[in-house]
C-alpha atoms as a PDB file:
ATOM      1  CA  MET A   1       0.000   0.000   0.000  1.00  0.00           C
ATOM      2  CA  ILE A   2       2.794   2.455   0.809  1.00  0.00           C
ATOM      3  CA  GLU A   3       4.540   1.447  -2.419  1.00  0.00           C
ATOM      4  CA  ARG A   4       1.413   2.341  -4.408  1.00  0.00           C
ATOM      5  CA  LYS A   5       1.240   5.689  -2.686  1.00  0.00           C
ATOM      6  CA  ILE A   6       4.900   6.318  -3.441  1.00  0.00           C
ATOM      7  CA  GLU A   7       4.354   5.349  -7.106  1.00  0.00           C
ATOM      8  CA  LYS A   8       1.331   7.650  -7.234  1.00  0.00           C
ATOM      9  CA  LEU A   9       3.395  10.490  -5.722  1.00  0.00           C
ATOM     10  CA  GLU A  10       6.155   9.866  -8.284  1.00  0.00           C
ATOM     11  CA  GLN A  11       3.597   9.990 -11.101  1.00  0.00           C
ATOM     12  CA  LEU A  12       2.147  13.207  -9.729  1.00  0.00           C
ATOM     13  CA  ALA A  13       5.652  14.667  -9.400  1.00  0.00           C
ATOM     14  CA  GLU A  14       6.428  13.739 -13.043  1.00  0.00           C
ATOM     15  CA  GLN A  15       3.143  15.249 -14.201  1.00  0.00           C
ATOM     16  CA  ALA A  16       3.810  18.385 -12.190  1.00  0.00           C
ATOM     17  CA  GLY A  17       7.317  18.605 -13.691  1.00  0.00           C
ATOM     18  CA  ALA A  18       5.954  18.216 -17.222  1.00  0.00           C
ATOM     19  CA  LYS A  19       3.266  20.825 -16.547  1.00  0.00           C
ATOM     20  CA  LEU A  20       5.899  23.160 -15.090  1.00  0.00           C
ATOM     21  CA  LYS A  21       7.997  22.847 -18.269  1.00  0.00           C
ATOM     22  CA  LEU A  22       4.949  23.628 -20.414  1.00  0.00           C
ATOM     23  CA  LEU A  23       4.121  26.644 -18.256  1.00  0.00           C
ATOM     24  CA  GLU A  24       7.719  27.885 -18.418  1.00  0.00           C
ATOM     25  CA  ALA A  25       7.665  27.618 -22.211  1.00  0.00           C
ATOM     26  CA  GLU A  26       4.319  29.415 -22.337  1.00  0.00           C
ATOM     27  CA  ASN A  27       5.665  32.097 -19.996  1.00  0.00           C
ATOM     28  CA  ALA A  28       8.687  32.631 -22.250  1.00  0.00           C
ATOM     29  CA  SER A  29       6.385  32.905 -25.256  1.00  0.00           C
ATOM     30  CA  LEU A  30       4.160  35.413 -23.474  1.00  0.00           C
ATOM     31  CA  LYS A  31       7.175  37.465 -22.420  1.00  0.00           C
ATOM     32  CA  ALA A  32       8.291  37.589 -26.071  1.00  0.00           C
ATOM     33  CA  GLN A  33       4.794  38.710 -27.098  1.00  0.00           C
ATOM     34  CA  VAL A  34       4.771  41.432 -24.457  1.00  0.00           C
ATOM     35  CA  LYS A  35       8.162  42.672 -25.671  1.00  0.00           C
ATOM     36  CA  SER A  36       6.923  42.657 -29.258  1.00  0.00           C
ATOM     37  CA  TYR A  37       3.777  44.573 -28.274  1.00  0.00           C
ATOM     38  CA  SER A  38       5.842  47.018 -26.259  1.00  0.00           C
ATOM     39  CA  ASP A  39       8.165  47.618 -29.216  1.00  0.00           C
ATOM     40  CA  SER A  40       5.163  48.027 -31.511  1.00  0.00           C
ATOM     41  CA  LEU A  41       3.584  50.507 -29.117  1.00  0.00           C
ATOM     42  CA  ALA A  42       6.794  52.534 -28.956  1.00  0.00           C
ATOM     43  CA  THR A  43       6.966  52.582 -32.758  1.00  0.00           C
ATOM     44  CA  PHE A  44       3.315  53.604 -32.914  1.00  0.00           C
ATOM     45  CA  GLU A  45       3.883  56.470 -30.469  1.00  0.00           C
ATOM     46  CA  ARG A  46       6.913  57.696 -32.446  1.00  0.00           C
ATOM     47  CA  THR A  47       4.902  57.517 -35.664  1.00  0.00           C
ATOM     48  CA  LYS A  48       2.033  59.479 -34.098  1.00  0.00           C
ATOM     49  CA  ALA A  49       4.475  62.186 -32.996  1.00  0.00           C
ATOM     50  CA  GLU A  50       6.016  62.334 -36.478  1.00  0.00           C
ATOM     51  CA  LEU A  51       2.559  62.573 -38.022  1.00  0.00           C
ATOM     52  CA  ARG A  52       1.655  65.492 -35.751  1.00  0.00           C
ATOM     53  CA  GLU A  53       4.897  67.240 -36.732  1.00  0.00           C
ATOM     54  CA  GLN A  54       4.217  66.642 -40.429  1.00  0.00           C
ATOM     55  CA  LYS A  55       0.653  67.966 -40.124  1.00  0.00           C
ATOM     56  CA  THR A  56       1.959  71.087 -38.409  1.00  0.00           C
ATOM     57  CA  TRP A  57       4.598  71.530 -41.109  1.00  0.00           C
ATOM     58  CA  ARG A  58       1.982  70.990 -43.844  1.00  0.00           C
ATOM     59  CA  ASN A  59      -0.394  73.536 -42.314  1.00  0.00           C
ATOM     60  CA  ARG A  60       2.358  76.128 -41.910  1.00  0.00           C
ATOM     61  CA  THR A  61       3.591  75.525 -45.449  1.00  0.00           C
ATOM     62  CA  ARG A  62       0.068  75.765 -46.822  1.00  0.00           C
ATOM     63  CA  ALA A  63      -0.462  79.076 -45.008  1.00  0.00           C
ATOM     64  CA  ARG A  64       2.833  80.449 -46.353  1.00  0.00           C
ATOM     65  CA  LEU A  65       1.947  79.376 -49.870  1.00  0.00           C
ATOM     66  CA  LEU A  66      -1.474  81.016 -49.593  1.00  0.00           C
ATOM     67  CA  ARG A  67       0.136  84.272 -48.414  1.00  0.00           C
ATOM     68  CA  LEU A  68       2.676  84.096 -51.229  1.00  0.00           C
ATOM     69  CA  ASN A  69      -0.061  83.375 -53.758  1.00  0.00           C
ATOM     70  CA  SER A  70      -2.043  86.361 -52.517  1.00  0.00           C
ATOM     71  CA  LYS A  71       0.995  88.641 -52.822  1.00  0.00           C
ATOM     72  CA  LEU A  72       1.707  87.361 -56.331  1.00  0.00           C
ATOM     73  CA  GLU A  73      -1.896  87.933 -57.383  1.00  0.00           C
ATOM     74  CA  HIS A  74      -1.745  91.504 -56.090  1.00  0.00           C
ATOM     75  CA  LEU A  75       1.534  92.107 -57.927  1.00  0.00           C
ATOM     76  CA  LEU A  76       0.097  90.676 -61.142  1.00  0.00           C
ATOM     77  CA  GLU A  77      -3.024  92.825 -60.816  1.00  0.00           C
ATOM     78  CA  ALA A  78      -0.862  95.884 -60.210  1.00  0.00           C
ATOM     79  CA  ALA A  79       1.343  95.041 -63.196  1.00  0.00           C
ATOM     80  CA  GLN A  80      -1.672  94.526 -65.443  1.00  0.00           C
ATOM     81  CA  ALA A  81      -3.210  97.795 -64.261  1.00  0.00           C
ATOM     82  CA  ALA A  82       0.038  99.631 -65.064  1.00  0.00           C
ATOM     83  CA  GLY A  83      -0.105  98.438 -68.663  1.00  0.00           C
ATOM     84  CA  PRO A  84       2.073  96.209 -70.778  1.00  0.00           C
ATOM     85  CA  ALA A  85       5.642  95.979 -69.612  1.00  0.00           C
ATOM     86  CA  PRO A  86       8.369  96.927 -72.090  1.00  0.00           C
ATOM     87  CA  GLU A  87      10.398  93.986 -73.236  1.00  0.00           C
ATOM     88  CA  ALA A  88      13.890  93.863 -71.863  1.00  0.00           C
ATOM     89  CA  GLY A  89      16.505  93.473 -74.471  1.00  0.00           C
ATOM     90  CA  GLY A  90      19.252  91.012 -73.912  1.00  0.00           C
ATOM     91  CA  GLY A  91      20.275  91.286 -70.309  1.00  0.00           C
ATOM     92  CA  ASP A  92      19.172  91.235 -66.768  1.00  0.00           C
ATOM     93  CA  GLU A  93      19.425  94.693 -65.259  1.00  0.00           C
ATOM     94  CA  ARG A  94      20.056  94.360 -61.562  1.00  0.00           C
END
């Protein structure tokens, strides 16, 4: 009877050892997933910051281009109102 109990304990110990190995492998896999998710999150956060910077740059550039376009339109209107410009002959006079 004691021998059967000892055999049963040995079987339980072997099963527990096998289960422990499976759990350790699963734990390692989960740790790798967490690291991957953490790296992905960091990349995502960097990308969001870059996107915000690019949107700001785009909006500023668009505003500058609109101001420049407005100035050019006013200059063209003024030039057209002044009449046809004489054609420059041969050189750039600066």
